[in-house]
């Protein structure tokens, strides 16, 4: 039969080994019969001290790395929860504070009742009565403490010849005479000028006749727009009252606090010189 033929052929093939193959089998048999070395004997007997280091193959490494990636992704997605490391509570001893009791002596201030008439319930902006002498005439006015003399002259007495320009005491347009001295009306409080002689530009003319200064300014074109003229006129009057024959330097010094936006300073000086000459005649 064919089956028997193939069986005999396999048997014959297995018995007909090459000399080299037979030599290898013999070597393996001799090696198995040799006694185990100390390290090998420990591994065979399960001794941990004699165990050899674990060798990791490429396949085992890839399987372990893949498992780590899967575990990390699952933790990030919330499928598994990683247990955080336990926290150890450390208790430190704090030295005790020494509390020292200090006696505080409180001073008691006794309140003294003040008479009702001594306490003013009126606001600081209340009106006060003041008498001002303006251009030779007395005026009894009610003013507030913070009102300036320029405001009272213009708003209360309608003497609008006193001009308001800078309102900071810099231009001289609001100049008036108080007891014969030029002052800036925007810098003076009205309640402090009671009992003093106040002269404005409206007080220069007497009995319908212009003052020589006013006439000289008109004839000599002392100003252009005229807004600063009132300040120049009253300041020049104070100069001529004190010095009837001033020089150009005297006029410049006296009028140094007055500004002319139009720039008519030359005409102002010549007008003052003409008025001084007319007053001396």
Protein backbone atom coordinates (compact mmCIF):
# COMPACT_ATOMS: atom_id res chain seq x y z
CA UNK A 1 0.00 0.00 0.00
CA UNK A 2 1.01 3.55 -0.57
CA UNK A 3 0.57 4.40 3.06
CA UNK A 4 3.10 1.83 4.10
CA UNK A 5 5.45 3.03 1.46
CA UNK A 6 5.40 6.59 2.76
CA UNK A 7 5.70 5.42 6.35
CA UNK A 8 8.77 3.37 5.57
CA UNK A 9 10.23 6.24 3.61
CA UNK A 10 9.85 8.66 6.54
CA UNK A 11 11.42 6.12 8.90
CA UNK A 12 14.31 5.59 6.59
CA UNK A 13 14.74 9.35 6.16
CA UNK A 14 14.80 9.90 9.89
CA UNK A 15 17.41 7.24 10.39
CA UNK A 16 19.53 8.55 7.57
CA UNK A 17 20.90 11.68 9.31
CA UNK A 18 23.91 13.57 8.24
CA UNK A 19 27.02 13.02 10.33
CA UNK A 20 26.97 16.71 11.41
CA UNK A 21 23.35 16.47 12.66
CA UNK A 22 24.11 13.31 14.56
CA UNK A 23 27.10 14.97 16.20
CA UNK A 24 24.88 17.84 17.36
CA UNK A 25 22.36 15.53 18.94
CA UNK A 26 25.09 13.73 20.78
CA UNK A 27 26.47 17.02 22.10
CA UNK A 28 23.06 18.00 23.47
CA UNK A 29 22.68 14.69 25.23
CA UNK A 30 26.07 15.08 26.89
CA UNK A 31 25.21 18.64 27.99
CA UNK A 32 21.98 17.52 29.60
CA UNK A 33 23.85 14.92 31.57
CA UNK A 34 26.33 17.47 32.99
CA UNK A 35 25.58 18.74 36.55
CA UNK A 36 23.96 22.14 36.86
CA UNK A 37 26.17 25.09 37.78
CA UNK A 38 25.48 27.11 40.93
CA UNK A 39 23.52 29.86 39.15
CA UNK A 40 21.56 27.45 37.04
CA UNK A 41 20.82 25.25 40.04
CA UNK A 42 19.40 28.26 41.92
CA UNK A 43 17.14 29.13 39.02
CA UNK A 44 15.93 25.58 38.75
CA UNK A 45 15.25 25.31 42.44
CA UNK A 46 13.49 28.72 42.60
CA UNK A 47 16.23 30.39 44.62
CA UNK A 48 15.89 34.21 44.35
CA UNK A 49 19.51 34.89 45.20
CA UNK A 50 20.75 32.84 42.31
CA UNK A 51 18.22 34.14 39.80
CA UNK A 52 19.55 35.74 36.64
CA UNK A 53 18.42 39.26 35.48
CA UNK A 54 15.16 39.28 33.57
CA UNK A 55 15.67 39.70 29.85
CA UNK A 56 12.98 41.72 28.03
CA UNK A 57 12.36 40.94 24.40
CA UNK A 58 11.24 43.49 21.79
CA UNK A 59 7.76 41.97 21.73
CA UNK A 60 7.39 42.20 25.52
CA UNK A 61 8.61 45.80 25.52
CA UNK A 62 6.06 46.85 22.87
CA UNK A 63 3.22 45.12 24.73
CA UNK A 64 4.14 46.88 28.01
CA UNK A 65 4.47 50.31 26.37
CA UNK A 66 1.10 49.92 24.64
CA UNK A 67 -0.56 49.02 27.92
CA UNK A 68 0.88 52.18 29.53
CA UNK A 69 -0.47 54.41 26.74
CA UNK A 70 -3.93 52.84 27.04
CA UNK A 71 -3.96 53.35 30.80
CA UNK A 72 -2.93 57.01 30.49
CA UNK A 73 -5.64 57.74 27.89
CA UNK A 74 -8.27 56.06 29.99
CA UNK A 75 -7.30 58.13 33.01
CA UNK A 76 -7.49 61.35 30.98
CA UNK A 77 -10.94 60.40 29.61
CA UNK A 78 -12.26 59.68 33.07
CA UNK A 79 -12.74 55.94 32.67
CA UNK A 80 -10.36 55.22 35.48
CA UNK A 81 -9.28 57.29 38.45
CA UNK A 82 -5.68 57.58 39.48
CA UNK A 83 -5.25 57.63 43.19
CA UNK A 84 -3.14 60.64 44.24
CA UNK A 85 -0.29 60.08 46.62
CA UNK A 86 -1.21 60.26 50.23
CA UNK A 87 -0.39 63.53 51.97
CA UNK A 88 1.33 63.34 55.26
CA UNK A 89 0.21 65.96 57.74
CA UNK A 90 3.11 67.49 59.60
CA UNK A 91 2.33 69.15 62.88
CA UNK A 92 4.83 71.71 64.08
CA UNK A 93 4.91 72.93 67.59
CA UNK A 94 4.59 76.73 67.90
CA UNK A 95 6.11 78.33 70.95
CA UNK A 96 3.52 79.85 73.19
CA UNK A 97 3.21 83.64 73.25
CA UNK A 98 3.56 85.44 76.52
CA UNK A 99 0.68 87.86 76.96
CA UNK A 100 1.48 90.81 79.16
CA UNK A 101 -1.38 92.75 80.60
CA UNK A 102 -0.92 96.51 80.53
CA UNK A 103 -3.21 98.81 82.36
CA UNK A 104 -4.41 101.75 80.24
CA UNK A 105 -5.56 104.86 82.00
CA UNK A 106 -8.26 106.67 80.06
CA UNK A 107 -8.63 110.39 80.44
CA UNK A 108 -12.22 111.49 80.62
CA UNK A 109 -12.95 114.91 79.14
CA UNK A 110 -16.00 116.53 80.55
CA UNK A 111 -18.23 118.25 78.03
CA UNK A 112 -19.08 121.83 78.89
CA UNK A 113 -22.36 123.08 77.48
CA UNK A 114 -22.05 126.14 75.24
CA UNK A 115 -24.70 128.83 75.35
CA UNK A 116 -27.10 128.71 72.45
CA UNK A 117 -26.34 132.26 71.40
CA UNK A 118 -22.64 131.41 70.96
CA UNK A 119 -23.37 128.72 68.37
CA UNK A 120 -24.23 130.07 64.92
CA UNK A 121 -26.55 127.85 62.95
CA UNK A 122 -26.40 130.11 59.92
CA UNK A 123 -24.46 128.86 56.87
CA UNK A 124 -21.14 130.43 55.90
CA UNK A 125 -22.73 131.85 52.74
CA UNK A 126 -25.14 134.07 54.62
CA UNK A 127 -25.39 137.70 53.53
CA UNK A 128 -23.57 140.34 55.52
CA UNK A 129 -24.33 144.05 55.53
CA UNK A 130 -21.44 146.28 54.52
CA UNK A 131 -21.16 150.00 53.73
CA UNK A 132 -18.90 150.96 50.85
CA UNK A 133 -17.87 154.47 49.87
CA UNK A 134 -17.64 154.48 46.10
CA UNK A 135 -16.87 157.64 44.14
CA UNK A 136 -17.66 159.81 47.17
CA UNK A 137 -21.01 158.17 47.95
CA UNK A 138 -21.89 155.60 50.63
CA UNK A 139 -23.72 152.42 49.65
CA UNK A 140 -25.15 149.96 52.17
CA UNK A 141 -25.02 146.52 50.56
CA UNK A 142 -25.64 142.92 51.50
CA UNK A 143 -22.81 140.75 50.30
CA UNK A 144 -21.47 137.28 50.87
CA UNK A 145 -18.08 136.82 52.45
CA UNK A 146 -16.45 135.47 49.31
CA UNK A 147 -17.66 138.16 46.90
CA UNK A 148 -14.92 140.24 45.33
CA UNK A 149 -15.01 144.01 45.05
CA UNK A 150 -15.14 143.74 41.25
CA UNK A 151 -18.28 141.60 41.47
CA UNK A 152 -20.03 143.98 43.85
CA UNK A 153 -19.15 147.07 41.78
CA UNK A 154 -20.41 145.51 38.57
CA UNK A 155 -23.38 143.42 39.78
CA UNK A 156 -24.62 145.32 42.83
CA UNK A 157 -23.81 148.92 41.85
CA UNK A 158 -23.88 148.54 38.03
CA UNK A 159 -20.50 150.30 37.70
CA UNK A 160 -19.43 148.28 34.66
CA UNK A 161 -16.54 150.59 33.79
CA UNK A 162 -14.43 148.26 35.96
CA UNK A 163 -13.73 145.44 33.50
CA UNK A 164 -13.32 141.76 34.23
CA UNK A 165 -10.70 140.09 32.06
CA UNK A 166 -8.34 137.56 33.64
CA UNK A 167 -9.99 137.52 37.10
CA UNK A 168 -6.62 136.45 38.50
CA UNK A 169 -4.90 139.78 39.19
CA UNK A 170 -2.69 139.67 36.10
CA UNK A 171 -4.01 142.07 33.43
CA UNK A 172 -4.99 145.23 35.37
CA UNK A 173 -8.27 145.78 33.49
CA UNK A 174 -10.18 145.89 36.81
CA UNK A 175 -7.83 148.39 38.48
CA UNK A 176 -9.49 150.85 40.86
CA UNK A 177 -8.19 153.22 43.52
CA UNK A 178 -8.62 152.41 47.22
CA UNK A 179 -7.53 155.34 49.37
CA UNK A 180 -5.61 156.67 46.37
CA UNK A 181 -3.66 153.42 45.71
CA UNK A 182 -4.20 151.30 42.57
CA UNK A 183 -5.46 147.79 43.40
CA UNK A 184 -6.93 144.92 41.42
CA UNK A 185 -10.65 144.79 42.23
CA UNK A 186 -10.80 141.08 41.33
CA UNK A 187 -8.36 140.32 44.16
CA UNK A 188 -10.11 142.31 46.93
CA UNK A 189 -12.97 141.06 49.11
CA UNK A 190 -15.81 143.57 49.33
CA UNK A 191 -16.38 143.11 53.08
CA UNK A 192 -12.79 144.21 53.76
CA UNK A 193 -13.15 147.53 51.94
CA UNK A 194 -15.74 149.00 54.28
CA UNK A 195 -14.85 152.52 55.43
CA UNK A 196 -12.35 153.09 52.61
CA UNK A 197 -12.57 155.56 49.72
CA UNK A 198 -13.05 153.66 46.46
CA UNK A 199 -12.66 155.39 43.10
CA UNK A 200 -13.65 153.83 39.77
CA UNK A 201 -13.37 155.19 36.24
CA UNK A 202 -16.92 156.51 36.57
CA UNK A 203 -15.70 158.83 39.34
CA UNK A 204 -13.08 160.64 37.22
CA UNK A 205 -15.45 163.02 35.51
CA UNK A 206 -16.75 165.81 37.73
CA UNK A 207 -19.97 167.75 37.11
CA UNK A 208 -20.25 166.36 33.60
CA UNK A 209 -16.72 167.39 32.63
CA UNK A 210 -14.17 164.79 31.61
CA UNK A 211 -10.95 164.42 33.52
CA UNK A 212 -7.86 165.70 31.65
CA UNK A 213 -6.67 162.11 31.38
CA UNK A 214 -9.91 161.04 29.71
CA UNK A 215 -9.74 163.95 27.27
CA UNK A 216 -6.07 163.22 26.46
CA UNK A 217 -6.80 159.54 25.77
CA UNK A 218 -9.57 160.51 23.39
CA UNK A 219 -7.47 163.10 21.53
CA UNK A 220 -4.30 160.96 21.43
CA UNK A 221 -6.00 157.65 20.57
CA UNK A 222 -4.70 156.22 23.81
CA UNK A 223 -6.48 152.91 23.24
CA UNK A 224 -7.90 150.93 20.36
CA UNK A 225 -10.64 148.63 21.64
CA UNK A 226 -10.89 150.53 24.94
CA UNK A 227 -11.43 147.45 27.13
CA UNK A 228 -8.29 148.12 29.17
CA UNK A 229 -8.72 151.92 29.19
CA UNK A 230 -10.39 152.16 32.61
CA UNK A 231 -7.46 150.43 34.29
CA UNK A 232 -4.92 152.67 32.59
CA UNK A 233 -6.87 155.83 33.42
CA UNK A 234 -7.26 155.28 37.16
CA UNK A 235 -3.64 154.06 37.46
CA UNK A 236 -2.39 157.15 35.62
CA UNK A 237 -4.50 159.38 37.90
CA UNK A 238 -2.73 157.93 40.97
CA UNK A 239 0.60 158.67 39.27
CA UNK A 240 -0.25 162.30 38.40
CA UNK A 241 -1.66 162.93 41.87
CA UNK A 242 1.67 161.86 43.36
CA UNK A 243 3.92 163.19 40.55
CA UNK A 244 2.46 166.02 38.39
CA UNK A 245 5.50 166.05 36.06
CA UNK A 246 6.46 162.42 35.40
CA UNK A 247 9.06 161.24 32.91
CA UNK A 248 8.55 158.49 30.37
CA UNK A 249 10.34 156.09 32.74
CA UNK A 250 8.01 157.07 35.59
CA UNK A 251 4.96 156.39 33.41
CA UNK A 252 6.26 153.02 32.28
CA UNK A 253 6.97 151.98 35.85
CA UNK A 254 3.56 153.12 37.10
CA UNK A 255 1.66 151.41 34.29
CA UNK A 256 3.72 148.20 34.42
CA UNK A 257 0.86 146.24 35.93
CA UNK A 258 -1.58 147.06 33.13
CA UNK A 259 -1.72 145.11 29.87
CA UNK A 260 -2.98 146.30 26.50
CA UNK A 261 -3.93 143.44 24.20
CA UNK A 262 -3.97 145.78 21.22
CA UNK A 263 -0.41 146.99 21.88
CA UNK A 264 -1.10 150.74 22.14
CA UNK A 265 1.57 151.39 24.77
CA UNK A 266 3.16 154.28 22.86
CA UNK A 267 -0.16 156.11 22.55
CA UNK A 268 -0.89 155.47 26.24
CA UNK A 269 2.41 157.10 27.28
CA UNK A 270 1.96 160.14 25.03
CA UNK A 271 -1.60 160.58 26.30
CA UNK A 272 -0.42 160.56 29.94
CA UNK A 273 2.28 163.13 29.14
CA UNK A 274 -0.31 165.38 27.45
CA UNK A 275 -2.67 165.08 30.43
CA UNK A 276 0.12 165.95 32.86
CA UNK A 277 0.96 169.07 30.85
CA UNK A 278 -2.69 170.12 30.76
CA UNK A 279 -3.07 169.64 34.52
CA UNK A 280 0.02 171.78 35.26
CA UNK A 281 -1.19 174.69 33.15
